[in-house]
Amino acid sequence: MVRTLITIPEEDKQWLKNYSRSHHVSMAQIIRMAINEFKKRKKNDKNDFHKALEATFGMWKDKNIDSVEYVRQLRSEWDRDGDKLK
């Protein structure tokens, strides 16, 4: 393992201290656990994004719609204020 120095707000340090005491775990271990959880979530975010891309890729390929006209049609459903449906 490598040692590193971080700067955190005083209230976060106090929370870590209280949590570590009440759960009988070192503050360093809590930080390592938090980093591992963050890494898992980021990996899942990336995987979810790629799954969504794969699931939707080419879904409009068989549509015979002019994209500019399609956008105009969508925009025509709104009034001039841009905040209310007709």
C-alpha atoms as a PDB file:
ATOM      1  CA  MET A   1       0.000   0.000   0.000  1.00  0.00           C
ATOM      2  CA  VAL A   2       0.995   3.592  -0.568  1.00  0.00           C
ATOM      3  CA  ARG A   3       0.543   6.336   1.967  1.00  0.00           C
ATOM      4  CA  THR A   4      -1.081   9.572   0.828  1.00  0.00           C
ATOM      5  CA  LEU A   5      -2.126  12.837   2.381  1.00  0.00           C
ATOM      6  CA  ILE A   6      -5.577  14.305   1.755  1.00  0.00           C
ATOM      7  CA  THR A   7      -7.316  17.455   2.881  1.00  0.00           C
ATOM      8  CA  ILE A   8     -10.973  17.205   3.885  1.00  0.00           C
ATOM      9  CA  PRO A   9     -13.372  19.531   5.702  1.00  0.00           C
ATOM     10  CA  GLU A  10     -13.317  19.346   9.492  1.00  0.00           C
ATOM     11  CA  GLU A  11     -16.914  18.035   9.645  1.00  0.00           C
ATOM     12  CA  ASP A  12     -16.020  15.137   7.315  1.00  0.00           C
ATOM     13  CA  LYS A  13     -13.004  14.291   9.482  1.00  0.00           C
ATOM     14  CA  GLN A  14     -15.224  14.316  12.574  1.00  0.00           C
ATOM     15  CA  TRP A  15     -17.784  12.096  10.842  1.00  0.00           C
ATOM     16  CA  LEU A  16     -15.039   9.623   9.869  1.00  0.00           C
ATOM     17  CA  LYS A  17     -13.714   9.623  13.414  1.00  0.00           C
ATOM     18  CA  ASN A  18     -17.159   8.983  14.925  1.00  0.00           C
ATOM     19  CA  TYR A  19     -18.034   6.335  12.342  1.00  0.00           C
ATOM     20  CA  SER A  20     -14.735   4.528  12.760  1.00  0.00           C
ATOM     21  CA  ARG A  21     -15.080   4.436  16.537  1.00  0.00           C
ATOM     22  CA  SER A  22     -18.654   3.195  16.485  1.00  0.00           C
ATOM     23  CA  HIS A  23     -17.889   0.496  13.893  1.00  0.00           C
ATOM     24  CA  HIS A  24     -14.437  -0.445  15.237  1.00  0.00           C
ATOM     25  CA  VAL A  25     -12.803   0.210  11.865  1.00  0.00           C
ATOM     26  CA  SER A  26      -9.911   2.547  11.134  1.00  0.00           C
ATOM     27  CA  MET A  27     -10.543   5.779   9.254  1.00  0.00           C
ATOM     28  CA  ALA A  28      -8.068   4.591   6.628  1.00  0.00           C
ATOM     29  CA  GLN A  29     -10.096   1.413   6.090  1.00  0.00           C
ATOM     30  CA  ILE A  30     -13.317   3.412   5.710  1.00  0.00           C
ATOM     31  CA  ILE A  31     -11.659   5.608   3.091  1.00  0.00           C
ATOM     32  CA  ARG A  32     -10.346   2.531   1.230  1.00  0.00           C
ATOM     33  CA  MET A  33     -13.840   1.018   1.290  1.00  0.00           C
ATOM     34  CA  ALA A  34     -15.338   4.283  -0.008  1.00  0.00           C
ATOM     35  CA  ILE A  35     -12.818   4.429  -2.860  1.00  0.00           C
ATOM     36  CA  ASN A  36     -13.553   0.820  -3.831  1.00  0.00           C
ATOM     37  CA  GLU A  37     -17.294   1.515  -3.836  1.00  0.00           C
ATOM     38  CA  PHE A  38     -16.769   4.643  -5.938  1.00  0.00           C
ATOM     39  CA  LYS A  39     -14.695   2.662  -8.449  1.00  0.00           C
ATOM     40  CA  LYS A  40     -17.432   0.009  -8.716  1.00  0.00           C
ATOM     41  CA  ARG A  41     -20.101   2.633  -9.340  1.00  0.00           C
ATOM     42  CA  LYS A  42     -18.029   4.390 -11.985  1.00  0.00           C
ATOM     43  CA  LYS A  43     -17.409   1.080 -13.755  1.00  0.00           C
ATOM     44  CA  ASN A  44     -21.134   0.319 -13.644  1.00  0.00           C
ATOM     45  CA  ASP A  45     -21.945   3.817 -14.946  1.00  0.00           C
ATOM     46  CA  LYS A  46     -19.669   3.206 -17.929  1.00  0.00           C
ATOM     47  CA  ASN A  47     -21.133  -0.250 -18.540  1.00  0.00           C
ATOM     48  CA  ASP A  48     -24.709   1.059 -18.277  1.00  0.00           C
ATOM     49  CA  PHE A  49     -23.921   3.813 -20.775  1.00  0.00           C
ATOM     50  CA  HIS A  50     -22.463   1.345 -23.265  1.00  0.00           C
ATOM     51  CA  LYS A  51     -25.416  -1.028 -22.805  1.00  0.00           C
ATOM     52  CA  ALA A  52     -27.827   1.838 -23.531  1.00  0.00           C
ATOM     53  CA  LEU A  53     -25.870   2.766 -26.657  1.00  0.00           C
ATOM     54  CA  GLU A  54     -25.891  -0.821 -27.889  1.00  0.00           C
ATOM     55  CA  ALA A  55     -29.613  -1.199 -27.181  1.00  0.00           C
ATOM     56  CA  THR A  56     -30.551   1.947 -29.106  1.00  0.00           C
ATOM     57  CA  PHE A  57     -27.968   1.941 -31.899  1.00  0.00           C
ATOM     58  CA  GLY A  58     -29.655   2.036 -35.316  1.00  0.00           C
ATOM     59  CA  MET A  59     -33.208   2.163 -33.992  1.00  0.00           C
ATOM     60  CA  TRP A  60     -34.095   4.950 -36.471  1.00  0.00           C
ATOM     61  CA  LYS A  61     -32.345   3.448 -39.500  1.00  0.00           C
ATOM     62  CA  ASP A  62     -35.607   2.261 -41.088  1.00  0.00           C
ATOM     63  CA  LYS A  63     -37.443   5.544 -40.515  1.00  0.00           C
ATOM     64  CA  ASN A  64     -38.010   7.706 -43.571  1.00  0.00           C
ATOM     65  CA  ILE A  65     -38.140  10.972 -41.663  1.00  0.00           C
ATOM     66  CA  ASP A  66     -36.321  14.215 -42.363  1.00  0.00           C
ATOM     67  CA  SER A  67     -34.643  15.061 -39.042  1.00  0.00           C
ATOM     68  CA  VAL A  68     -35.067  18.822 -39.476  1.00  0.00           C
ATOM     69  CA  GLU A  69     -38.776  18.431 -40.192  1.00  0.00           C
ATOM     70  CA  TYR A  70     -39.111  16.078 -37.225  1.00  0.00           C
ATOM     71  CA  VAL A  71     -37.575  18.659 -34.877  1.00  0.00           C
ATOM     72  CA  ARG A  72     -39.822  21.406 -36.300  1.00  0.00           C
ATOM     73  CA  GLN A  73     -42.830  19.220 -35.674  1.00  0.00           C
ATOM     74  CA  LEU A  74     -41.785  18.621 -32.071  1.00  0.00           C
ATOM     75  CA  ARG A  75     -41.171  22.320 -31.500  1.00  0.00           C
ATOM     76  CA  SER A  76     -44.549  23.257 -32.981  1.00  0.00           C
ATOM     77  CA  GLU A  77     -46.221  21.533 -30.021  1.00  0.00           C
ATOM     78  CA  TRP A  78     -44.990  24.351 -27.770  1.00  0.00           C
ATOM     79  CA  ASP A  79     -46.349  27.877 -27.542  1.00  0.00           C
ATOM     80  CA  ARG A  80     -44.204  30.941 -28.171  1.00  0.00           C
ATOM     81  CA  ASP A  81     -43.285  31.289 -24.471  1.00  0.00           C
ATOM     82  CA  GLY A  82     -41.553  27.930 -24.727  1.00  0.00           C
ATOM     83  CA  ASP A  83     -42.831  26.768 -21.402  1.00  0.00           C
ATOM     84  CA  LYS A  84     -46.375  25.507 -22.016  1.00  0.00           C
ATOM     85  CA  LEU A  85     -47.898  22.806 -24.167  1.00  0.00           C
ATOM     86  CA  LYS A  86     -50.599  23.935 -26.576  1.00  0.00           C
END
